[in-house]
């Protein structure tokens, strides 16, 4: 029996029609399909509250993680049934490159396309940082080690002509820790890829020190040439955070839910039914979660959908 193999005679209907699995787990099977483990991110980001809402409607549990890279490994290994990820990180995972170079190719498939994340580059307004190139020699958090934030931060630094390894004084902090370190004067700037508003960034923007949000739109051409189709040009609106006086040209990336390529069709279909039968509850969890819709969740990406998810969206579109 594979990690995602279920006894179909044991399917039952619960709640609002979610088909849950009562499985006979193989030794070492770390998650219950009846109560799926959902790998999210840090509590200061968007993945966590979004994942908690999905867990609530699926009678599942939420796991706090370092983000996309942790989640890909957890889903691939069967320690989580569902994982949040940025599209670029999932693409690297299925090809075994970047942060996954030592892992090899991971068996992930897309369950749903969720929303776009904005690349935030937040600096102390007194640090003399107006462009990405100005980060040279500064104390910069580039995200949790192995996170999708770290991946895009390295790519943006390189696109701006900086050596990602030595061009800045690096630290690996999650978004909540980065915000606290900037507030305490321990770093000059930090990278974060996430939804808008991100709670930790919003709270930081409402206090001291005064912040500068650095544009990254100028690095798009170089990045798109090297990583075609993974990133997009977005605009961080001035209404997003306190103190912003103008819109900020930014890079963005789609966020997705992933499952194992080995996940049973019945599990995938039941999960999607559970999510889309309870959209109202999910939409209330975060402004980014309010963007989830059938019309956009099944849009093709650079990473393949699970066949059962593909069939689900096709049926809903007929």
C-alpha atoms as a PDB file:
ATOM      1  CA  UNK A   1       0.000   0.000   0.000  1.00  0.00           C
ATOM      2  CA  UNK A   2       1.394   3.440  -0.917  1.00  0.00           C
ATOM      3  CA  UNK A   3       1.314   6.363   1.494  1.00  0.00           C
ATOM      4  CA  UNK A   4      -1.838   7.645  -0.212  1.00  0.00           C
ATOM      5  CA  UNK A   5      -3.616   4.330  -0.770  1.00  0.00           C
ATOM      6  CA  UNK A   6      -7.098   4.082   0.735  1.00  0.00           C
ATOM      7  CA  UNK A   7      -9.737   1.369   1.152  1.00  0.00           C
ATOM      8  CA  UNK A   8     -12.525   2.828  -0.970  1.00  0.00           C
ATOM      9  CA  UNK A   9     -15.152   0.772   0.866  1.00  0.00           C
ATOM     10  CA  UNK A  10     -14.253   2.843   3.916  1.00  0.00           C
ATOM     11  CA  UNK A  11     -15.166   6.202   2.357  1.00  0.00           C
ATOM     12  CA  UNK A  12     -17.788   8.084   4.319  1.00  0.00           C
ATOM     13  CA  UNK A  13     -19.463  11.446   4.022  1.00  0.00           C
ATOM     14  CA  UNK A  14     -19.021  14.009   6.767  1.00  0.00           C
ATOM     15  CA  UNK A  15     -19.814  17.661   7.412  1.00  0.00           C
ATOM     16  CA  UNK A  16     -20.940  19.392   4.237  1.00  0.00           C
ATOM     17  CA  UNK A  17     -20.397  16.420   2.014  1.00  0.00           C
ATOM     18  CA  UNK A  18     -16.631  16.062   2.345  1.00  0.00           C
ATOM     19  CA  UNK A  19     -15.680  12.503   1.531  1.00  0.00           C
ATOM     20  CA  UNK A  20     -13.147  11.485   4.153  1.00  0.00           C
ATOM     21  CA  UNK A  21     -10.960   8.428   4.185  1.00  0.00           C
ATOM     22  CA  UNK A  22     -10.780   5.933   7.029  1.00  0.00           C
ATOM     23  CA  UNK A  23      -7.518   4.289   6.071  1.00  0.00           C
ATOM     24  CA  UNK A  24      -5.620   1.259   7.218  1.00  0.00           C
ATOM     25  CA  UNK A  25      -2.206   2.962   7.402  1.00  0.00           C
ATOM     26  CA  UNK A  26       1.043   1.290   6.497  1.00  0.00           C
ATOM     27  CA  UNK A  27       3.726   1.251   9.197  1.00  0.00           C
ATOM     28  CA  UNK A  28       5.268   4.683   9.551  1.00  0.00           C
ATOM     29  CA  UNK A  29       2.362   6.422   7.804  1.00  0.00           C
ATOM     30  CA  UNK A  30       2.416   9.779   9.579  1.00  0.00           C
ATOM     31  CA  UNK A  31      -0.882  11.337   8.608  1.00  0.00           C
ATOM     32  CA  UNK A  32      -4.525  10.385   8.773  1.00  0.00           C
ATOM     33  CA  UNK A  33      -6.471  10.905   5.567  1.00  0.00           C
ATOM     34  CA  UNK A  34      -9.532  11.473   7.767  1.00  0.00           C
ATOM     35  CA  UNK A  35      -7.688  14.397   9.355  1.00  0.00           C
ATOM     36  CA  UNK A  36      -5.149  15.503   6.737  1.00  0.00           C
ATOM     37  CA  UNK A  37      -1.994  17.316   7.790  1.00  0.00           C
ATOM     38  CA  UNK A  38      -1.663  20.607   5.914  1.00  0.00           C
ATOM     39  CA  UNK A  39       1.852  22.076   5.740  1.00  0.00           C
ATOM     40  CA  UNK A  40       1.693  25.878   5.759  1.00  0.00           C
ATOM     41  CA  UNK A  41       4.359  28.375   6.847  1.00  0.00           C
ATOM     42  CA  UNK A  42       5.146  30.757   9.695  1.00  0.00           C
ATOM     43  CA  UNK A  43       2.336  32.300  11.728  1.00  0.00           C
ATOM     44  CA  UNK A  44       3.263  35.797  10.530  1.00  0.00           C
ATOM     45  CA  UNK A  45       2.528  34.997   6.877  1.00  0.00           C
ATOM     46  CA  UNK A  46      -0.532  34.144   4.786  1.00  0.00           C
ATOM     47  CA  UNK A  47      -0.077  30.382   4.384  1.00  0.00           C
ATOM     48  CA  UNK A  48      -0.816  29.717   8.046  1.00  0.00           C
ATOM     49  CA  UNK A  49      -4.241  31.410   8.441  1.00  0.00           C
ATOM     50  CA  UNK A  50      -5.231  30.241   4.961  1.00  0.00           C
ATOM     51  CA  UNK A  51      -4.194  26.677   5.774  1.00  0.00           C
ATOM     52  CA  UNK A  52      -5.975  26.776   9.108  1.00  0.00           C
ATOM     53  CA  UNK A  53      -9.229  27.674   7.362  1.00  0.00           C
ATOM     54  CA  UNK A  54      -8.806  24.773   4.943  1.00  0.00           C
ATOM     55  CA  UNK A  55      -7.918  22.448   7.816  1.00  0.00           C
ATOM     56  CA  UNK A  56     -11.065  23.505   9.653  1.00  0.00           C
ATOM     57  CA  UNK A  57     -13.366  22.593   6.765  1.00  0.00           C
ATOM     58  CA  UNK A  58     -11.508  19.327   6.115  1.00  0.00           C
ATOM     59  CA  UNK A  59     -11.285  18.378   9.816  1.00  0.00           C
ATOM     60  CA  UNK A  60      -7.517  18.428   9.357  1.00  0.00           C
ATOM     61  CA  UNK A  61      -4.534  19.777  11.256  1.00  0.00           C
ATOM     62  CA  UNK A  62      -2.138  22.598  10.427  1.00  0.00           C
ATOM     63  CA  UNK A  63       1.623  22.291  10.633  1.00  0.00           C
ATOM     64  CA  UNK A  64       3.760  25.414  11.047  1.00  0.00           C
ATOM     65  CA  UNK A  65       6.795  25.117   8.762  1.00  0.00           C
ATOM     66  CA  UNK A  66       9.583  27.153   7.197  1.00  0.00           C
ATOM     67  CA  UNK A  67       7.491  27.476   4.040  1.00  0.00           C
ATOM     68  CA  UNK A  68       7.452  26.086   0.526  1.00  0.00           C
ATOM     69  CA  UNK A  69      10.635  23.997   0.605  1.00  0.00           C
ATOM     70  CA  UNK A  70       9.756  22.310   3.886  1.00  0.00           C
ATOM     71  CA  UNK A  71       6.251  21.701   2.580  1.00  0.00           C
ATOM     72  CA  UNK A  72       7.425  20.086  -0.649  1.00  0.00           C
ATOM     73  CA  UNK A  73       9.560  17.645   1.289  1.00  0.00           C
ATOM     74  CA  UNK A  74       6.774  16.869   3.754  1.00  0.00           C
ATOM     75  CA  UNK A  75       4.259  16.160   0.978  1.00  0.00           C
ATOM     76  CA  UNK A  76       6.737  14.101  -1.021  1.00  0.00           C
ATOM     77  CA  UNK A  77       7.590  11.986   2.023  1.00  0.00           C
ATOM     78  CA  UNK A  78       3.947  11.458   3.021  1.00  0.00           C
ATOM     79  CA  UNK A  79       4.290  13.383   6.279  1.00  0.00           C
ATOM     80  CA  UNK A  80       1.745  15.927   5.033  1.00  0.00           C
ATOM     81  CA  UNK A  81      -1.177  15.365   2.697  1.00  0.00           C
ATOM     82  CA  UNK A  82      -1.371  18.923   1.373  1.00  0.00           C
ATOM     83  CA  UNK A  83       1.249  21.647   1.156  1.00  0.00           C
ATOM     84  CA  UNK A  84       1.286  25.343   0.343  1.00  0.00           C
ATOM     85  CA  UNK A  85       3.963  26.471  -2.083  1.00  0.00           C
ATOM     86  CA  UNK A  86       4.989  29.233  -4.392  1.00  0.00           C
ATOM     87  CA  UNK A  87       4.975  28.133  -8.023  1.00  0.00           C
ATOM     88  CA  UNK A  88       8.706  28.696  -8.507  1.00  0.00           C
ATOM     89  CA  UNK A  89       9.576  26.522  -5.519  1.00  0.00           C
ATOM     90  CA  UNK A  90       7.271  23.728  -6.677  1.00  0.00           C
ATOM     91  CA  UNK A  91       8.785  23.941 -10.159  1.00  0.00           C
ATOM     92  CA  UNK A  92      12.285  23.587  -8.701  1.00  0.00           C
ATOM     93  CA  UNK A  93      11.064  20.661  -6.577  1.00  0.00           C
ATOM     94  CA  UNK A  94       9.656  18.617  -9.456  1.00  0.00           C
ATOM     95  CA  UNK A  95      12.853  19.219 -11.431  1.00  0.00           C
ATOM     96  CA  UNK A  96      15.222  18.610  -8.502  1.00  0.00           C
ATOM     97  CA  UNK A  97      17.070  21.916  -8.852  1.00  0.00           C
ATOM     98  CA  UNK A  98      17.811  24.966  -6.704  1.00  0.00           C
ATOM     99  CA  UNK A  99      16.993  24.282  -3.056  1.00  0.00           C
ATOM    100  CA  UNK A 100      16.164  20.677  -4.018  1.00  0.00           C
ATOM    101  CA  UNK A 101      19.435  19.848  -5.775  1.00  0.00           C
ATOM    102  CA  UNK A 102      20.338  17.318  -3.089  1.00  0.00           C
ATOM    103  CA  UNK A 103      16.787  15.906  -2.858  1.00  0.00           C
ATOM    104  CA  UNK A 104      16.360  14.850  -6.448  1.00  0.00           C
ATOM    105  CA  UNK A 105      13.036  15.256  -8.228  1.00  0.00           C
ATOM    106  CA  UNK A 106      10.058  15.363  -5.856  1.00  0.00           C
ATOM    107  CA  UNK A 107       6.720  13.813  -6.812  1.00  0.00           C
ATOM    108  CA  UNK A 108       4.410  16.814  -6.459  1.00  0.00           C
ATOM    109  CA  UNK A 109       1.300  17.824  -8.345  1.00  0.00           C
ATOM    110  CA  UNK A 110      -0.898  20.932  -8.211  1.00  0.00           C
ATOM    111  CA  UNK A 111      -4.202  20.748  -6.344  1.00  0.00           C
ATOM    112  CA  UNK A 112      -5.272  24.394  -6.780  1.00  0.00           C
ATOM    113  CA  UNK A 113      -3.942  27.809  -7.798  1.00  0.00           C
ATOM    114  CA  UNK A 114      -4.618  30.231  -4.945  1.00  0.00           C
ATOM    115  CA  UNK A 115      -3.368  33.826  -5.261  1.00  0.00           C
ATOM    116  CA  UNK A 116      -0.307  35.854  -6.216  1.00  0.00           C
ATOM    117  CA  UNK A 117       2.430  36.646  -3.725  1.00  0.00           C
ATOM    118  CA  UNK A 118       4.243  39.964  -3.837  1.00  0.00           C
ATOM    119  CA  UNK A 119       7.959  40.243  -3.268  1.00  0.00           C
ATOM    120  CA  UNK A 120       8.413  42.629  -0.370  1.00  0.00           C
ATOM    121  CA  UNK A 121      11.837  44.188   0.114  1.00  0.00           C
ATOM    122  CA  UNK A 122      11.518  46.244   3.287  1.00  0.00           C
ATOM    123  CA  UNK A 123      14.264  48.530   4.555  1.00  0.00           C
ATOM    124  CA  UNK A 124      14.835  50.907   7.427  1.00  0.00           C
ATOM    125  CA  UNK A 125      14.222  54.344   5.902  1.00  0.00           C
ATOM    126  CA  UNK A 126      17.423  55.617   7.547  1.00  0.00           C
ATOM    127  CA  UNK A 127      19.632  52.902   5.997  1.00  0.00           C
ATOM    128  CA  UNK A 128      20.179  54.698   2.688  1.00  0.00           C
ATOM    129  CA  UNK A 129      18.603  51.946   0.596  1.00  0.00           C
ATOM    130  CA  UNK A 130      16.616  53.022  -2.465  1.00  0.00           C
ATOM    131  CA  UNK A 131      17.339  50.181  -4.898  1.00  0.00           C
ATOM    132  CA  UNK A 132      18.273  46.508  -4.738  1.00  0.00           C
ATOM    133  CA  UNK A 133      21.844  47.447  -5.696  1.00  0.00           C
ATOM    134  CA  UNK A 134      21.981  49.623  -2.555  1.00  0.00           C
ATOM    135  CA  UNK A 135      21.761  46.467  -0.447  1.00  0.00           C
ATOM    136  CA  UNK A 136      25.448  45.831  -1.115  1.00  0.00           C
ATOM    137  CA  UNK A 137      27.230  45.386   2.199  1.00  0.00           C
ATOM    138  CA  UNK A 138      24.034  45.838   4.216  1.00  0.00           C
ATOM    139  CA  UNK A 139      22.659  43.466   6.852  1.00  0.00           C
ATOM    140  CA  UNK A 140      19.840  41.666   5.048  1.00  0.00           C
ATOM    141  CA  UNK A 141      17.530  38.811   5.967  1.00  0.00           C
ATOM    142  CA  UNK A 142      16.886  36.761   2.842  1.00  0.00           C
ATOM    143  CA  UNK A 143      14.209  34.526   4.362  1.00  0.00           C
ATOM    144  CA  UNK A 144      14.248  31.201   6.172  1.00  0.00           C
ATOM    145  CA  UNK A 145      16.972  28.824   5.024  1.00  0.00           C
ATOM    146  CA  UNK A 146      15.760  26.856   2.019  1.00  0.00           C
ATOM    147  CA  UNK A 147      12.547  28.886   1.715  1.00  0.00           C
ATOM    148  CA  UNK A 148      11.034  30.237  -1.490  1.00  0.00           C
ATOM    149  CA  UNK A 149      11.825  33.716  -0.145  1.00  0.00           C
ATOM    150  CA  UNK A 150      15.506  32.810  -0.076  1.00  0.00           C
ATOM    151  CA  UNK A 151      15.314  31.467  -3.640  1.00  0.00           C
ATOM    152  CA  UNK A 152      13.803  34.597  -5.131  1.00  0.00           C
ATOM    153  CA  UNK A 153      15.972  36.872  -2.961  1.00  0.00           C
ATOM    154  CA  UNK A 154      19.106  35.247  -4.371  1.00  0.00           C
ATOM    155  CA  UNK A 155      17.763  35.587  -7.910  1.00  0.00           C
ATOM    156  CA  UNK A 156      16.880  39.261  -7.432  1.00  0.00           C
ATOM    157  CA  UNK A 157      20.259  40.071  -5.889  1.00  0.00           C
ATOM    158  CA  UNK A 158      21.997  38.376  -8.799  1.00  0.00           C
ATOM    159  CA  UNK A 159      19.819  40.233 -11.321  1.00  0.00           C
ATOM    160  CA  UNK A 160      20.892  43.495  -9.665  1.00  0.00           C
ATOM    161  CA  UNK A 161      24.566  42.589 -10.089  1.00  0.00           C
ATOM    162  CA  UNK A 162      25.235  41.478  -6.510  1.00  0.00           C
ATOM    163  CA  UNK A 163      26.803  38.243  -5.368  1.00  0.00           C
ATOM    164  CA  UNK A 164      24.020  36.565  -3.353  1.00  0.00           C
ATOM    165  CA  UNK A 165      26.535  34.800  -1.095  1.00  0.00           C
ATOM    166  CA  UNK A 166      28.879  37.685  -0.326  1.00  0.00           C
ATOM    167  CA  UNK A 167      27.268  40.885  -1.603  1.00  0.00           C
ATOM    168  CA  UNK A 168      25.193  41.351   1.556  1.00  0.00           C
ATOM    169  CA  UNK A 169      25.599  40.370   5.203  1.00  0.00           C
ATOM    170  CA  UNK A 170      23.087  37.527   5.125  1.00  0.00           C
ATOM    171  CA  UNK A 171      20.808  36.216   7.801  1.00  0.00           C
ATOM    172  CA  UNK A 172      18.081  33.588   7.462  1.00  0.00           C
ATOM    173  CA  UNK A 173      14.958  34.754   9.289  1.00  0.00           C
ATOM    174  CA  UNK A 174      11.273  34.145   8.720  1.00  0.00           C
ATOM    175  CA  UNK A 175       9.015  37.130   8.159  1.00  0.00           C
ATOM    176  CA  UNK A 176       7.992  37.621  11.793  1.00  0.00           C
ATOM    177  CA  UNK A 177      11.617  37.339  12.957  1.00  0.00           C
ATOM    178  CA  UNK A 178      12.771  39.648  10.148  1.00  0.00           C
ATOM    179  CA  UNK A 179      10.272  42.307  11.144  1.00  0.00           C
ATOM    180  CA  UNK A 180      11.372  42.089  14.771  1.00  0.00           C
ATOM    181  CA  UNK A 181      15.063  42.250  13.816  1.00  0.00           C
ATOM    182  CA  UNK A 182      14.491  45.348  11.660  1.00  0.00           C
ATOM    183  CA  UNK A 183      12.543  46.976  14.474  1.00  0.00           C
ATOM    184  CA  UNK A 184      15.393  46.230  16.899  1.00  0.00           C
ATOM    185  CA  UNK A 185      18.076  47.569  14.520  1.00  0.00           C
ATOM    186  CA  UNK A 186      19.713  44.177  14.016  1.00  0.00           C
ATOM    187  CA  UNK A 187      19.237  44.204  10.232  1.00  0.00           C
ATOM    188  CA  UNK A 188      18.883  46.957   7.633  1.00  0.00           C
ATOM    189  CA  UNK A 189      16.426  45.234   5.289  1.00  0.00           C
ATOM    190  CA  UNK A 190      14.634  41.988   4.594  1.00  0.00           C
ATOM    191  CA  UNK A 191      13.068  40.039   1.752  1.00  0.00           C
ATOM    192  CA  UNK A 192       9.666  38.399   2.022  1.00  0.00           C
ATOM    193  CA  UNK A 193       7.457  36.816  -0.605  1.00  0.00           C
ATOM    194  CA  UNK A 194       3.871  36.691   0.540  1.00  0.00           C
ATOM    195  CA  UNK A 195       0.308  37.881   0.237  1.00  0.00           C
ATOM    196  CA  UNK A 196      -0.902  41.397   0.901  1.00  0.00           C
ATOM    197  CA  UNK A 197      -1.235  42.367   3.601  1.00  0.00           C
ATOM    198  CA  UNK A 198       1.220  40.151   5.437  1.00  0.00           C
ATOM    199  CA  UNK A 199       0.439  40.566   9.133  1.00  0.00           C
ATOM    200  CA  UNK A 200       4.038  40.911  10.321  1.00  0.00           C
ATOM    201  CA  UNK A 201       4.824  43.557   7.686  1.00  0.00           C
ATOM    202  CA  UNK A 202       1.589  45.440   8.353  1.00  0.00           C
ATOM    203  CA  UNK A 203       2.301  45.600  12.093  1.00  0.00           C
ATOM    204  CA  UNK A 204       5.867  46.761  11.445  1.00  0.00           C
ATOM    205  CA  UNK A 205       4.680  49.494   9.062  1.00  0.00           C
ATOM    206  CA  UNK A 206       2.387  50.916  11.757  1.00  0.00           C
ATOM    207  CA  UNK A 207       5.230  51.572  14.196  1.00  0.00           C
ATOM    208  CA  UNK A 208       8.883  52.558  14.143  1.00  0.00           C
ATOM    209  CA  UNK A 209      11.288  52.731  12.413  1.00  0.00           C
ATOM    210  CA  UNK A 210       9.959  54.374   9.254  1.00  0.00           C
ATOM    211  CA  UNK A 211      10.181  51.999   6.318  1.00  0.00           C
ATOM    212  CA  UNK A 212      11.133  52.087   2.669  1.00  0.00           C
ATOM    213  CA  UNK A 213       9.645  49.492   0.307  1.00  0.00           C
ATOM    214  CA  UNK A 214      12.178  48.788  -2.453  1.00  0.00           C
ATOM    215  CA  UNK A 215      10.955  48.291  -6.022  1.00  0.00           C
ATOM    216  CA  UNK A 216      11.962  45.056  -7.760  1.00  0.00           C
ATOM    217  CA  UNK A 217      10.206  45.583 -11.096  1.00  0.00           C
ATOM    218  CA  UNK A 218      13.497  46.648 -12.684  1.00  0.00           C
ATOM    219  CA  UNK A 219      14.967  43.196 -12.112  1.00  0.00           C
ATOM    220  CA  UNK A 220      12.080  41.426 -13.911  1.00  0.00           C
ATOM    221  CA  UNK A 221      13.575  41.283 -17.411  1.00  0.00           C
ATOM    222  CA  UNK A 222      16.796  39.588 -16.288  1.00  0.00           C
ATOM    223  CA  UNK A 223      14.934  37.142 -14.065  1.00  0.00           C
ATOM    224  CA  UNK A 224      12.328  36.264 -16.696  1.00  0.00           C
ATOM    225  CA  UNK A 225      15.058  35.571 -19.211  1.00  0.00           C
ATOM    226  CA  UNK A 226      16.679  33.077 -16.858  1.00  0.00           C
ATOM    227  CA  UNK A 227      13.471  31.680 -15.295  1.00  0.00           C
ATOM    228  CA  UNK A 228      10.797  32.116 -17.992  1.00  0.00           C
ATOM    229  CA  UNK A 229       7.175  31.882 -16.941  1.00  0.00           C
ATOM    230  CA  UNK A 230       7.747  31.572 -13.196  1.00  0.00           C
ATOM    231  CA  UNK A 231       7.434  35.195 -12.128  1.00  0.00           C
ATOM    232  CA  UNK A 232       5.228  38.094 -13.099  1.00  0.00           C
ATOM    233  CA  UNK A 233       5.191  41.866 -12.804  1.00  0.00           C
ATOM    234  CA  UNK A 234       2.866  43.186 -10.115  1.00  0.00           C
ATOM    235  CA  UNK A 235       2.291  46.489  -8.378  1.00  0.00           C
ATOM    236  CA  UNK A 236       2.251  46.688  -4.598  1.00  0.00           C
ATOM    237  CA  UNK A 237      -0.502  49.273  -4.024  1.00  0.00           C
ATOM    238  CA  UNK A 238       0.199  52.214  -1.761  1.00  0.00           C
ATOM    239  CA  UNK A 239      -2.888  51.226   0.223  1.00  0.00           C
ATOM    240  CA  UNK A 240      -1.256  47.935   1.251  1.00  0.00           C
ATOM    241  CA  UNK A 241       0.766  49.229   4.214  1.00  0.00           C
ATOM    242  CA  UNK A 242       0.954  52.300   6.411  1.00  0.00           C
ATOM    243  CA  UNK A 243       3.469  54.879   5.235  1.00  0.00           C
ATOM    244  CA  UNK A 244       3.492  53.919   1.561  1.00  0.00           C
ATOM    245  CA  UNK A 245       3.267  57.116  -0.474  1.00  0.00           C
ATOM    246  CA  UNK A 246       3.163  55.512  -3.937  1.00  0.00           C
ATOM    247  CA  UNK A 247       2.605  52.178  -5.634  1.00  0.00           C
ATOM    248  CA  UNK A 248       5.724  49.981  -5.785  1.00  0.00           C
ATOM    249  CA  UNK A 249       6.624  48.005  -8.960  1.00  0.00           C
ATOM    250  CA  UNK A 250       7.200  44.483  -7.713  1.00  0.00           C
ATOM    251  CA  UNK A 251       7.840  40.921  -8.732  1.00  0.00           C
ATOM    252  CA  UNK A 252       5.228  38.315  -7.981  1.00  0.00           C
ATOM    253  CA  UNK A 253       4.661  34.591  -8.113  1.00  0.00           C
ATOM    254  CA  UNK A 254       1.563  32.399  -7.965  1.00  0.00           C
ATOM    255  CA  UNK A 255       0.853  30.362  -4.834  1.00  0.00           C
ATOM    256  CA  UNK A 256      -0.508  26.853  -5.116  1.00  0.00           C
ATOM    257  CA  UNK A 257      -1.659  23.879  -3.072  1.00  0.00           C
ATOM    258  CA  UNK A 258       0.247  20.687  -3.784  1.00  0.00           C
ATOM    259  CA  UNK A 259      -0.348  16.998  -3.165  1.00  0.00           C
ATOM    260  CA  UNK A 260       1.736  13.928  -3.808  1.00  0.00           C
ATOM    261  CA  UNK A 261       1.612  12.543  -7.345  1.00  0.00           C
ATOM    262  CA  UNK A 262       0.713   9.272  -5.572  1.00  0.00           C
ATOM    263  CA  UNK A 263      -2.351  10.731  -3.849  1.00  0.00           C
ATOM    264  CA  UNK A 264      -5.483   8.667  -4.494  1.00  0.00           C
ATOM    265  CA  UNK A 265      -7.975  10.207  -6.897  1.00  0.00           C
ATOM    266  CA  UNK A 266     -10.719   9.819  -4.273  1.00  0.00           C
ATOM    267  CA  UNK A 267      -8.713  11.820  -1.731  1.00  0.00           C
ATOM    268  CA  UNK A 268      -8.028  14.639  -4.206  1.00  0.00           C
ATOM    269  CA  UNK A 269     -11.652  14.850  -5.315  1.00  0.00           C
ATOM    270  CA  UNK A 270     -12.959  14.762  -1.739  1.00  0.00           C
ATOM    271  CA  UNK A 271     -10.524  17.473  -0.703  1.00  0.00           C
ATOM    272  CA  UNK A 272     -11.513  19.784  -3.550  1.00  0.00           C
ATOM    273  CA  UNK A 273     -15.197  19.193  -2.882  1.00  0.00           C
ATOM    274  CA  UNK A 274     -14.605  20.055   0.761  1.00  0.00           C
ATOM    275  CA  UNK A 275     -12.775  23.264  -0.100  1.00  0.00           C
ATOM    276  CA  UNK A 276     -15.194  24.546  -2.741  1.00  0.00           C
ATOM    277  CA  UNK A 277     -18.296  23.542  -0.774  1.00  0.00           C
ATOM    278  CA  UNK A 278     -17.044  25.782   2.042  1.00  0.00           C
ATOM    279  CA  UNK A 279     -15.683  28.791   0.186  1.00  0.00           C
ATOM    280  CA  UNK A 280     -17.479  31.237   2.457  1.00  0.00           C
ATOM    281  CA  UNK A 281     -15.592  30.053   5.530  1.00  0.00           C
ATOM    282  CA  UNK A 282     -12.257  30.003   3.696  1.00  0.00           C
ATOM    283  CA  UNK A 283     -12.770  33.481   2.210  1.00  0.00           C
ATOM    284  CA  UNK A 284     -13.144  34.959   5.705  1.00  0.00           C
ATOM    285  CA  UNK A 285      -9.710  33.771   6.850  1.00  0.00           C
ATOM    286  CA  UNK A 286      -7.602  36.332   4.970  1.00  0.00           C
ATOM    287  CA  UNK A 287      -7.987  38.888   2.142  1.00  0.00           C
ATOM    288  CA  UNK A 288      -5.843  36.666  -0.110  1.00  0.00           C
ATOM    289  CA  UNK A 289      -8.008  33.636   0.666  1.00  0.00           C
ATOM    290  CA  UNK A 290     -11.019  35.656  -0.508  1.00  0.00           C
ATOM    291  CA  UNK A 291      -9.581  35.441  -4.042  1.00  0.00           C
ATOM    292  CA  UNK A 292     -10.010  31.652  -4.269  1.00  0.00           C
ATOM    293  CA  UNK A 293     -12.428  30.777  -7.075  1.00  0.00           C
ATOM    294  CA  UNK A 294     -13.144  27.799  -9.341  1.00  0.00           C
ATOM    295  CA  UNK A 295     -12.434  29.912 -12.409  1.00  0.00           C
ATOM    296  CA  UNK A 296      -8.841  30.633 -11.372  1.00  0.00           C
ATOM    297  CA  UNK A 297      -7.957  27.601  -9.227  1.00  0.00           C
ATOM    298  CA  UNK A 298      -7.666  25.291 -12.233  1.00  0.00           C
ATOM    299  CA  UNK A 299      -5.626  27.542 -14.540  1.00  0.00           C
ATOM    300  CA  UNK A 300      -2.663  25.625 -16.008  1.00  0.00           C
ATOM    301  CA  UNK A 301       0.769  26.286 -14.528  1.00  0.00           C
ATOM    302  CA  UNK A 302       4.367  25.283 -15.187  1.00  0.00           C
ATOM    303  CA  UNK A 303       3.791  22.391 -12.744  1.00  0.00           C
ATOM    304  CA  UNK A 304       1.247  19.702 -13.748  1.00  0.00           C
ATOM    305  CA  UNK A 305      -2.028  19.236 -11.916  1.00  0.00           C
ATOM    306  CA  UNK A 306      -2.898  15.949 -10.256  1.00  0.00           C
ATOM    307  CA  UNK A 307      -5.077  14.071 -12.801  1.00  0.00           C
ATOM    308  CA  UNK A 308      -8.021  13.969 -10.384  1.00  0.00           C
ATOM    309  CA  UNK A 309      -7.752  17.731  -9.829  1.00  0.00           C
ATOM    310  CA  UNK A 310      -7.657  18.270 -13.576  1.00  0.00           C
ATOM    311  CA  UNK A 311     -10.785  16.145 -13.933  1.00  0.00           C
ATOM    312  CA  UNK A 312     -12.482  18.027 -11.098  1.00  0.00           C
ATOM    313  CA  UNK A 313     -11.989  21.434 -12.718  1.00  0.00           C
ATOM    314  CA  UNK A 314     -12.984  20.118 -16.141  1.00  0.00           C
ATOM    315  CA  UNK A 315     -16.212  18.730 -14.731  1.00  0.00           C
ATOM    316  CA  UNK A 316     -16.990  21.980 -12.900  1.00  0.00           C
ATOM    317  CA  UNK A 317     -16.376  23.947 -16.076  1.00  0.00           C
ATOM    318  CA  UNK A 318     -18.765  21.886 -18.205  1.00  0.00           C
END
